[in-house]
Amino acid sequence: MSTVEIKEVLHNHINSIDNENLLQRILDLVNEENQTYELSEEQKRRILKGKQEISEGKFKTHEQVKKEVREWLKK
């Protein structure tokens, strides 16, 4: 489905909604898309630390973690 088609479908759905709470939730979702977030210095530091750990190979894959959880649950 193209962007134009998606917009048309959304417009049609929104025009048919009478539930004010639902419309407010949709509006909140759309407004959230336009928000910018400021990271604290601590958050920035942790992101940099995480990137460094990844570059050093200090991480586990999703499959490794799932295997560990399965083994842990057996105990």
C-alpha atoms as a PDB file:
ATOM      1  CA  MET A   1       0.000   0.000   0.000  1.00  0.00           C
ATOM      2  CA  SER A   2       1.406   3.397  -0.935  1.00  0.00           C
ATOM      3  CA  THR A   3       1.728   6.338   1.435  1.00  0.00           C
ATOM      4  CA  VAL A   4      -1.142   8.118  -0.303  1.00  0.00           C
ATOM      5  CA  GLU A   5      -3.364   5.054   0.056  1.00  0.00           C
ATOM      6  CA  ILE A   6      -2.474   4.666   3.734  1.00  0.00           C
ATOM      7  CA  LYS A   7      -3.321   8.314   4.381  1.00  0.00           C
ATOM      8  CA  GLU A   8      -6.660   7.919   2.634  1.00  0.00           C
ATOM      9  CA  VAL A   9      -7.558   4.834   4.685  1.00  0.00           C
ATOM     10  CA  LEU A  10      -6.554   6.618   7.896  1.00  0.00           C
ATOM     11  CA  HIS A  11      -8.573   9.706   6.999  1.00  0.00           C
ATOM     12  CA  ASN A  12     -11.631   7.550   6.329  1.00  0.00           C
ATOM     13  CA  HIS A  13     -11.256   5.693   9.615  1.00  0.00           C
ATOM     14  CA  ILE A  14     -10.680   8.841  11.649  1.00  0.00           C
ATOM     15  CA  ASN A  15     -13.685  10.565  10.084  1.00  0.00           C
ATOM     16  CA  SER A  16     -15.889   7.677  11.159  1.00  0.00           C
ATOM     17  CA  ILE A  17     -14.727   7.629  14.804  1.00  0.00           C
ATOM     18  CA  ASP A  18     -17.042   9.229  17.362  1.00  0.00           C
ATOM     19  CA  ASN A  19     -15.200   8.003  20.446  1.00  0.00           C
ATOM     20  CA  GLU A  20     -13.472  11.064  21.918  1.00  0.00           C
ATOM     21  CA  ASN A  21     -11.070   8.964  24.016  1.00  0.00           C
ATOM     22  CA  LEU A  22      -9.914   7.024  20.994  1.00  0.00           C
ATOM     23  CA  LEU A  23      -9.461  10.212  18.993  1.00  0.00           C
ATOM     24  CA  GLN A  24      -7.410  11.689  21.835  1.00  0.00           C
ATOM     25  CA  ARG A  25      -5.192   8.590  21.914  1.00  0.00           C
ATOM     26  CA  ILE A  26      -4.643   8.865  18.167  1.00  0.00           C
ATOM     27  CA  LEU A  27      -3.782  12.550  18.548  1.00  0.00           C
ATOM     28  CA  ASP A  28      -1.359  11.733  21.368  1.00  0.00           C
ATOM     29  CA  LEU A  29       0.318   9.116  19.186  1.00  0.00           C
ATOM     30  CA  VAL A  30       0.685  11.552  16.287  1.00  0.00           C
ATOM     31  CA  ASN A  31       2.054  14.259  18.601  1.00  0.00           C
ATOM     32  CA  GLU A  32       4.510  11.799  20.121  1.00  0.00           C
ATOM     33  CA  GLU A  33       6.007  11.248  16.676  1.00  0.00           C
ATOM     34  CA  ASN A  34       7.031  14.918  16.562  1.00  0.00           C
ATOM     35  CA  GLN A  35       8.636  15.044  20.012  1.00  0.00           C
ATOM     36  CA  THR A  36      12.351  15.300  20.513  1.00  0.00           C
ATOM     37  CA  TYR A  37      13.954  13.773  23.539  1.00  0.00           C
ATOM     38  CA  GLU A  38      16.897  15.156  25.456  1.00  0.00           C
ATOM     39  CA  LEU A  39      19.208  12.594  26.983  1.00  0.00           C
ATOM     40  CA  SER A  40      20.833  13.205  30.329  1.00  0.00           C
ATOM     41  CA  GLU A  41      24.601  13.052  30.614  1.00  0.00           C
ATOM     42  CA  GLU A  42      24.234   9.724  32.438  1.00  0.00           C
ATOM     43  CA  GLN A  43      22.146   8.296  29.577  1.00  0.00           C
ATOM     44  CA  LYS A  44      24.691   9.499  27.029  1.00  0.00           C
ATOM     45  CA  ARG A  45      27.509   7.962  29.075  1.00  0.00           C
ATOM     46  CA  ARG A  46      25.711   4.624  29.271  1.00  0.00           C
ATOM     47  CA  ILE A  47      25.044   4.605  25.527  1.00  0.00           C
ATOM     48  CA  LEU A  48      28.710   5.257  24.802  1.00  0.00           C
ATOM     49  CA  LYS A  49      29.717   2.512  27.247  1.00  0.00           C
ATOM     50  CA  GLY A  50      27.318   0.090  25.549  1.00  0.00           C
ATOM     51  CA  LYS A  51      28.689   0.920  22.103  1.00  0.00           C
ATOM     52  CA  GLN A  52      32.214   0.370  23.381  1.00  0.00           C
ATOM     53  CA  GLU A  53      31.254  -3.016  24.851  1.00  0.00           C
ATOM     54  CA  ILE A  54      29.672  -4.037  21.538  1.00  0.00           C
ATOM     55  CA  SER A  55      32.806  -3.064  19.614  1.00  0.00           C
ATOM     56  CA  GLU A  56      34.832  -5.203  22.090  1.00  0.00           C
ATOM     57  CA  GLY A  57      32.525  -8.177  21.515  1.00  0.00           C
ATOM     58  CA  LYS A  58      31.119  -8.010  25.046  1.00  0.00           C
ATOM     59  CA  PHE A  59      27.538  -8.981  24.219  1.00  0.00           C
ATOM     60  CA  LYS A  60      25.302 -12.011  23.794  1.00  0.00           C
ATOM     61  CA  THR A  61      23.054 -12.785  20.874  1.00  0.00           C
ATOM     62  CA  HIS A  62      19.324 -13.200  21.269  1.00  0.00           C
ATOM     63  CA  GLU A  63      19.722 -16.936  20.671  1.00  0.00           C
ATOM     64  CA  GLN A  64      22.390 -17.207  23.403  1.00  0.00           C
ATOM     65  CA  VAL A  65      20.149 -15.462  25.911  1.00  0.00           C
ATOM     66  CA  LYS A  66      17.143 -17.610  24.988  1.00  0.00           C
ATOM     67  CA  LYS A  67      19.270 -20.750  25.506  1.00  0.00           C
ATOM     68  CA  GLU A  68      20.460 -19.493  28.906  1.00  0.00           C
ATOM     69  CA  VAL A  69      16.883 -18.756  29.974  1.00  0.00           C
ATOM     70  CA  ARG A  70      15.697 -22.206  28.892  1.00  0.00           C
ATOM     71  CA  GLU A  71      18.518 -23.799  30.908  1.00  0.00           C
ATOM     72  CA  TRP A  72      17.804 -21.587  33.903  1.00  0.00           C
ATOM     73  CA  LEU A  73      14.105 -22.492  33.841  1.00  0.00           C
ATOM     74  CA  LYS A  74      14.972 -26.207  33.942  1.00  0.00           C
ATOM     75  CA  LYS A  75      16.587 -25.781  37.394  1.00  0.00           C
END
